[in-house]
Each structure stands twice: as C-alpha cells, then as structure tokens.
Amino acid sequence: MTDFRLVIVSAGVSDPSSTRLLADRATQRVSSLAEKRGHTVTTTVIDLRELLPELPAAMSSQLLGPRFTRAVDALVRADGLVVASPVYKAGLSGLFTSFFQVIDNDLLIGKPVILGATAGTARHALVVDEEMRALFAYLRTLPVPTSLFASTEDWTDKALGARIERAGRELVLLMESGFARAVRDESWDSYQHSYGSAGGTELDIDLSSDMMRLATGGSLRDSDDDPFDPRRA
C-alpha cells in the first residue's frame, strides 16, 4: 500500500467557487480510485487567493512569505497535482499564471497533473489545452491525457462526470508508476536546471574559461595563454 500525496491548486476567488468545486470533484475521484487499488491519499489544498498578499514581493524579488513557502514545500512533496483556474477574458487567471511563474522551473519535473478550468461559456473550452497544457509542458510536468473544463451548462451533464472519472484514473496510474521519483533519483543531473535549483552544482562553472570571458564581455586577449597578448612580447 502506498500513501500518495496529492496537492490541489485552485485559483478560484469567489466563495463558493466553481473552480474549487471542479478541483474537489476530481480530487474525490482520485482518492476513491486510489483506495480501490489499495492506496491511501493525503490531500493538501493551496487556495491561491490566500497567497495574494504575498504575491507582489514574490514576483518582484523572489522573497517568499510563509504561506508561499508552505505552498512550495507541499508541491515538492507531491506525488500528483490537481490544478484548476477560472477563465477570464479568454485566458487563464492572472493569479494562476503568476503563481506558477514565481515557483522554480524545476520544482515539478515529471509530476503527473490533472488540468482543469471553468468558465461561463463553452467557447473557452480550448483554454485548457492551448494555454494550460503549454504552461505545464514548460514546467516539464506530466499532464494526464484527459483535460477538465466546466462551463455553466456542464455541471448537469453526465459527460463531465465521465471526464473526471477518466482523468482521475489516469492520474492514479501515473502516480503508481513512480515516474517523477525515478526521474529525480536516476536522471536529475541530465536536466538543464534554472539558476538556483540545481543544489549548488550550477556554481561549478569555470568562470575563467574563454567562453565565459566572452559571455561576460571580455575577450580572448585577456587570457594568459593568448599568444597575441602584447604582454607576452
């Protein structure tokens, strides 16, 4: 039996929130399916509206407040994620995108994710696959094949329940595979990490090499080995 740690990230700002409702329905289905397969699921909810007071400092200076820090810690430990955003003006919520722009690019490598969005009309249904899937591909996560989208009329449609069932099963199977953990254990060093996320190994760069001198505005003539250096005459 495995205890999976599932993190829910919701960018809904109203109370009650249809975005949070979609995330909760997906979470309940994941937990139920996992339990039927002999696992337990521990859930942590990151309600992004609670991070709003800390967001400006996080975006401008990368200084994370206590709530932001707890959210990042939960994501680090997560075996899987359920993320959901409302759609505003034909795009993802600014709160949602800002949060994932602040966190380290390498934080979620290989983690399986259910992607979900809500809107008042079905015209925005492609936002999940066109915008959200692209964002999480950049973060190198593993989104499940089935996306979730709920407009006003979808809540009474059995098709939404079928999609939630499918996405939940896909997430459970991906968590069972242990792919994210295997990536970190076996091939972490093969990724080109963003600065500050490689456990200090990014400081092993040889800053005295010709290439690094050129990159920082110097020239090859600064090298002691340069045969054309007039100082060697």
Protein backbone atom coordinates (compact mmCIF):
# COMPACT_ATOMS: atom_id res chain seq x y z
CA MET A 1 0.00 0.00 0.00
CA THR A 2 1.27 3.45 -0.95
CA ASP A 3 0.35 6.76 0.64
CA PHE A 4 0.10 9.24 -2.22
CA ARG A 5 0.40 12.96 -1.50
CA LEU A 6 -2.00 14.89 -3.70
CA VAL A 7 -1.86 18.70 -3.93
CA ILE A 8 -4.81 20.76 -5.17
CA VAL A 9 -4.09 24.24 -6.57
CA SER A 10 -7.21 26.36 -7.05
CA ALA A 11 -7.29 29.91 -8.40
CA GLY A 12 -10.98 30.47 -7.74
CA VAL A 13 -11.64 33.72 -5.87
CA SER A 14 -15.38 33.55 -5.16
CA ASP A 15 -16.98 31.68 -2.28
CA PRO A 16 -18.35 29.23 -3.21
CA SER A 17 -16.13 28.78 -6.26
CA SER A 18 -16.97 26.66 -9.30
CA THR A 19 -13.22 26.32 -9.91
CA ARG A 20 -12.69 24.89 -6.45
CA LEU A 21 -15.73 22.64 -6.95
CA LEU A 22 -14.21 21.17 -10.12
CA ALA A 23 -10.89 20.57 -8.35
CA ASP A 24 -12.68 18.97 -5.38
CA ARG A 25 -14.68 16.62 -7.60
CA ALA A 26 -11.51 15.49 -9.36
CA THR A 27 -9.72 15.05 -6.03
CA GLN A 28 -12.55 12.95 -4.60
CA ARG A 29 -12.48 10.70 -7.65
CA VAL A 30 -8.70 10.28 -7.48
CA SER A 31 -8.92 9.37 -3.79
CA SER A 32 -11.73 6.87 -4.37
CA LEU A 33 -9.99 5.17 -7.29
CA ALA A 34 -6.67 5.03 -5.42
CA GLU A 35 -8.30 3.48 -2.35
CA LYS A 36 -9.93 0.80 -4.51
CA ARG A 37 -6.43 -0.09 -5.71
CA GLY A 38 -5.12 -0.41 -2.14
CA HIS A 39 -3.59 3.05 -1.69
CA THR A 40 -4.26 5.96 0.63
CA VAL A 41 -4.31 9.60 -0.45
CA THR A 42 -3.31 12.57 1.70
CA THR A 43 -4.51 15.87 0.22
CA THR A 44 -3.23 19.41 0.63
CA VAL A 45 -5.14 22.38 -0.77
CA ILE A 46 -3.37 25.51 -2.00
CA ASP A 47 -6.02 28.21 -2.29
CA LEU A 48 -4.23 30.87 -4.32
CA ARG A 49 -6.45 33.73 -3.15
CA GLU A 50 -4.90 33.26 0.31
CA LEU A 51 -1.46 33.96 -1.20
CA LEU A 52 -2.47 37.29 -2.75
CA PRO A 53 -0.88 39.46 -0.02
CA GLU A 54 2.49 37.75 -0.59
CA LEU A 55 2.35 37.68 -4.39
CA PRO A 56 3.84 41.14 -5.21
CA ALA A 57 7.01 40.52 -3.19
CA ALA A 58 7.34 37.01 -4.60
CA MET A 59 7.09 38.29 -8.18
CA SER A 60 9.34 41.32 -7.78
CA SER A 61 12.09 39.96 -5.55
CA GLN A 62 11.56 36.18 -5.24
CA LEU A 63 11.10 36.69 -1.49
CA LEU A 64 8.55 34.09 -0.41
CA GLY A 65 6.35 34.71 2.58
CA PRO A 66 5.32 31.94 5.00
CA ARG A 67 2.20 30.93 3.04
CA PHE A 68 4.09 30.83 -0.23
CA THR A 69 6.85 28.79 1.39
CA ARG A 70 4.34 26.25 2.72
CA ALA A 71 2.79 26.01 -0.75
CA VAL A 72 6.16 25.34 -2.37
CA ASP A 73 7.01 22.73 0.27
CA ALA A 74 3.72 20.94 -0.45
CA LEU A 75 4.48 20.91 -4.19
CA VAL A 76 7.94 19.48 -3.57
CA ARG A 77 6.47 16.53 -1.65
CA ALA A 78 3.54 15.98 -4.02
CA ASP A 79 3.13 12.71 -5.94
CA GLY A 80 0.40 14.26 -8.08
CA LEU A 81 -1.45 17.53 -8.61
CA VAL A 82 -4.93 18.74 -9.47
CA VAL A 83 -4.83 22.33 -10.73
CA ALA A 84 -7.80 24.49 -11.71
CA SER A 85 -8.23 28.06 -12.91
CA PRO A 86 -11.17 30.24 -13.91
CA VAL A 87 -11.06 31.70 -17.41
CA TYR A 88 -11.05 35.50 -17.65
CA LYS A 89 -11.17 37.35 -20.98
CA ALA A 90 -10.44 34.16 -22.93
CA GLY A 91 -7.34 33.36 -20.87
CA LEU A 92 -6.16 31.77 -17.65
CA SER A 93 -6.48 33.68 -14.39
CA GLY A 94 -3.61 36.09 -13.76
CA LEU A 95 -3.41 34.77 -10.20
CA PHE A 96 -2.97 31.23 -11.51
CA THR A 97 -0.26 32.07 -14.06
CA SER A 98 1.57 34.38 -11.63
CA PHE A 99 1.85 31.63 -9.03
CA PHE A 100 3.40 29.17 -11.46
CA GLN A 101 5.68 31.86 -12.87
CA VAL A 102 7.10 32.50 -9.40
CA ILE A 103 7.94 28.92 -8.46
CA ASP A 104 11.19 27.36 -9.62
CA ASN A 105 11.11 25.95 -13.15
CA ASP A 106 12.43 22.59 -11.90
CA LEU A 107 10.08 22.14 -8.96
CA LEU A 108 7.53 19.95 -10.75
CA ILE A 109 9.63 17.92 -13.18
CA GLY A 110 7.88 14.65 -14.04
CA LYS A 111 4.95 15.14 -11.64
CA PRO A 112 1.55 14.00 -13.02
CA VAL A 113 -1.13 16.70 -13.16
CA ILE A 114 -4.85 16.95 -13.85
CA LEU A 115 -5.55 20.22 -15.68
CA GLY A 116 -8.91 21.92 -15.15
CA ALA A 117 -10.63 25.22 -15.92
CA THR A 118 -14.07 26.76 -15.53
CA ALA A 119 -15.90 29.47 -17.46
CA GLY A 120 -19.36 30.85 -18.06
CA THR A 121 -19.47 29.62 -21.64
CA ALA A 122 -18.23 26.62 -23.60
CA ARG A 123 -16.49 28.98 -26.04
CA HIS A 124 -13.47 28.95 -23.71
CA ALA A 125 -13.11 25.16 -23.61
CA LEU A 126 -9.82 25.16 -25.55
CA VAL A 127 -8.06 27.35 -22.97
CA VAL A 128 -7.11 24.23 -21.00
CA ASP A 129 -5.33 22.52 -23.88
CA GLU A 130 -3.99 25.63 -25.61
CA GLU A 131 -2.74 27.64 -22.63
CA MET A 132 -2.66 25.49 -19.52
CA ARG A 133 -1.15 22.43 -21.18
CA ALA A 134 1.57 24.61 -22.74
CA LEU A 135 2.42 26.14 -19.35
CA PHE A 136 2.76 22.76 -17.67
CA ALA A 137 4.76 21.38 -20.59
CA TYR A 138 7.21 24.24 -19.99
CA LEU A 139 7.37 23.25 -16.32
CA ARG A 140 8.14 19.68 -17.55
CA THR A 141 5.26 18.07 -15.72
CA LEU A 142 3.27 15.09 -16.96
CA PRO A 143 -0.33 16.27 -17.62
CA VAL A 144 -2.86 13.45 -17.89
CA PRO A 145 -4.38 12.99 -21.37
CA THR A 146 -7.90 13.99 -20.28
CA SER A 147 -8.40 17.70 -19.61
CA LEU A 148 -11.27 19.02 -17.50
CA PHE A 149 -13.38 22.00 -18.47
CA ALA A 150 -16.72 23.03 -16.98
CA SER A 151 -18.94 25.80 -18.29
CA THR A 152 -22.25 26.70 -16.67
CA GLU A 153 -24.21 24.07 -18.60
CA ASP A 154 -21.69 21.28 -17.96
CA TRP A 155 -22.49 20.84 -14.28
CA THR A 156 -25.69 18.95 -15.07
CA ASP A 157 -24.15 16.96 -17.93
CA LYS A 158 -23.12 13.36 -17.23
CA ALA A 159 -20.24 13.82 -19.69
CA LEU A 160 -18.40 15.96 -17.13
CA GLY A 161 -18.54 13.11 -14.61
CA ALA A 162 -17.19 10.72 -17.23
CA ARG A 163 -14.26 13.03 -17.97
CA ILE A 164 -13.50 13.39 -14.26
CA GLU A 165 -13.53 9.60 -13.91
CA ARG A 166 -11.14 9.23 -16.83
CA ALA A 167 -8.75 11.94 -15.65
CA GLY A 168 -8.76 10.55 -12.11
CA ARG A 169 -7.88 7.07 -13.30
CA GLU A 170 -5.09 8.42 -15.48
CA LEU A 171 -3.61 10.35 -12.55
CA VAL A 172 -3.70 7.32 -10.26
CA LEU A 173 -1.94 5.16 -12.85
CA LEU A 174 0.75 7.79 -13.38
CA MET A 175 1.31 8.16 -9.63
CA GLU A 176 1.59 4.39 -9.33
CA SER A 177 4.30 4.38 -11.99
CA GLY A 178 6.63 6.39 -9.72
CA PHE A 179 7.93 8.24 -12.77
CA ALA A 180 8.54 11.59 -11.03
CA ARG A 181 10.52 9.98 -8.22
CA ALA A 182 12.54 7.89 -10.68
CA VAL A 183 13.43 10.99 -12.69
CA ARG A 184 14.79 12.72 -9.60
CA ASP A 185 16.65 9.62 -8.40
CA GLU A 186 18.14 8.49 -11.71
CA SER A 187 18.35 11.35 -14.20
CA TRP A 188 18.13 14.64 -12.30
CA ASP A 189 21.59 15.71 -13.46
CA SER A 190 20.64 15.34 -17.12
CA TYR A 191 18.29 18.35 -16.98
CA GLN A 192 19.42 21.89 -17.66
CA HIS A 193 18.34 23.42 -14.37
CA SER A 194 17.46 27.05 -13.86
CA TYR A 195 19.82 29.03 -11.67
CA GLY A 196 19.38 28.26 -8.00
CA SER A 197 17.63 24.94 -8.47
CA ALA A 198 20.50 22.53 -9.09
CA GLY A 199 21.51 22.11 -5.48
CA GLY A 200 24.55 24.34 -5.83
CA THR A 201 26.09 22.46 -8.76
CA GLU A 202 25.45 25.46 -11.00
CA LEU A 203 28.32 27.12 -9.10
CA ASP A 204 30.77 24.59 -10.53
CA ILE A 205 31.00 26.62 -13.76
CA ASP A 206 34.56 27.54 -14.71
CA LEU A 207 34.30 31.32 -14.88
CA SER A 208 37.88 31.64 -16.14
CA SER A 209 37.27 29.76 -19.39
CA ASP A 210 37.49 31.57 -22.74
CA MET A 211 33.78 31.01 -23.35
CA MET A 212 32.77 32.52 -20.01
CA ARG A 213 35.10 35.52 -20.54
CA LEU A 214 33.40 36.18 -23.87
CA ALA A 215 29.94 35.73 -22.33
CA THR A 216 30.70 38.34 -19.68
CA GLY A 217 32.03 40.92 -22.13
CA GLY A 218 35.72 40.09 -22.02
CA SER A 219 37.89 38.92 -24.90
CA LEU A 220 40.26 36.09 -25.62
CA ARG A 221 43.13 38.56 -25.43
CA ASP A 222 42.57 38.63 -21.67
CA SER A 223 43.86 35.06 -21.47
CA ASP A 224 47.35 34.42 -20.18
CA ASP A 225 47.63 31.75 -22.87
CA ASP A 226 46.84 34.11 -25.74
CA PRO A 227 49.93 34.15 -28.00
CA PHE A 228 48.89 37.55 -29.35
CA ASP A 229 48.74 39.17 -25.93
CA PRO A 230 51.20 42.09 -26.11
CA ARG A 231 52.12 41.45 -22.51
CA ARG A 232 53.82 38.24 -23.66
CA ALA A 233 56.22 40.08 -26.01
